[in-house]
């Protein structure tokens, strides 16, 4: 799987993430980052958590 994802996919992922409780947010972020190659954790963290370093 390649990244970055298309903007509409990112928007859907963020909307879904925001609907989850904290415990499930962590699980979802972990699963999504595992799908990606090197850099996946940073990409998903930046996308879902809006870390400024990405």
Protein backbone atom coordinates (compact mmCIF):
# COMPACT_ATOMS: atom_id res chain seq x y z
CA UNK A 1 0.00 0.00 0.00
CA UNK A 2 1.35 3.43 -0.81
CA UNK A 3 0.98 6.76 0.85
CA UNK A 4 0.15 9.54 1.17
CA UNK A 5 -3.43 8.55 0.61
CA UNK A 6 -5.71 10.66 -1.57
CA UNK A 7 -7.21 13.64 0.26
CA UNK A 8 -10.75 12.21 0.22
CA UNK A 9 -9.48 9.00 1.85
CA UNK A 10 -7.56 10.99 4.47
CA UNK A 11 -10.70 12.98 5.24
CA UNK A 12 -12.75 9.79 5.68
CA UNK A 13 -10.09 8.24 7.89
CA UNK A 14 -9.96 11.34 10.10
CA UNK A 15 -13.75 11.51 10.37
CA UNK A 16 -13.92 7.86 11.40
CA UNK A 17 -11.02 8.29 13.83
CA UNK A 18 -12.73 11.27 15.48
CA UNK A 19 -15.86 9.16 16.08
CA UNK A 20 -13.98 6.55 18.15
CA UNK A 21 -13.32 6.40 21.87
CA UNK A 22 -9.70 6.88 22.98
CA UNK A 23 -8.96 3.16 23.30
CA UNK A 24 -10.23 2.42 19.80
CA UNK A 25 -8.44 5.47 18.36
CA UNK A 26 -5.12 3.96 19.42
CA UNK A 27 -6.06 0.59 17.93
CA UNK A 28 -7.17 2.13 14.64
CA UNK A 29 -4.01 4.22 14.33
CA UNK A 30 -1.86 1.15 15.03
CA UNK A 31 -3.63 -0.94 12.40
CA UNK A 32 -3.41 1.79 9.78
CA UNK A 33 0.28 2.40 10.41
CA UNK A 34 1.01 -1.34 10.12
CA UNK A 35 -0.47 -1.34 6.60
CA UNK A 36 2.18 1.09 5.40
CA UNK A 37 5.85 0.66 4.79
CA UNK A 38 8.66 2.64 6.41
CA UNK A 39 7.31 5.99 7.59
CA UNK A 40 3.78 4.73 8.18
CA UNK A 41 3.75 5.57 11.88
CA UNK A 42 4.81 9.17 11.22
CA UNK A 43 2.30 9.57 8.39
CA UNK A 44 -0.65 8.19 10.36
CA UNK A 45 0.32 10.15 13.46
CA UNK A 46 0.47 13.35 11.45
CA UNK A 47 -2.80 12.58 9.69
CA UNK A 48 -4.88 11.51 12.67
CA UNK A 49 -3.23 13.36 15.53
CA UNK A 50 -2.11 16.42 13.55
CA UNK A 51 1.47 16.37 14.84
CA UNK A 52 3.29 19.41 13.50
CA UNK A 53 6.54 17.56 12.68
CA UNK A 54 5.20 15.85 9.56
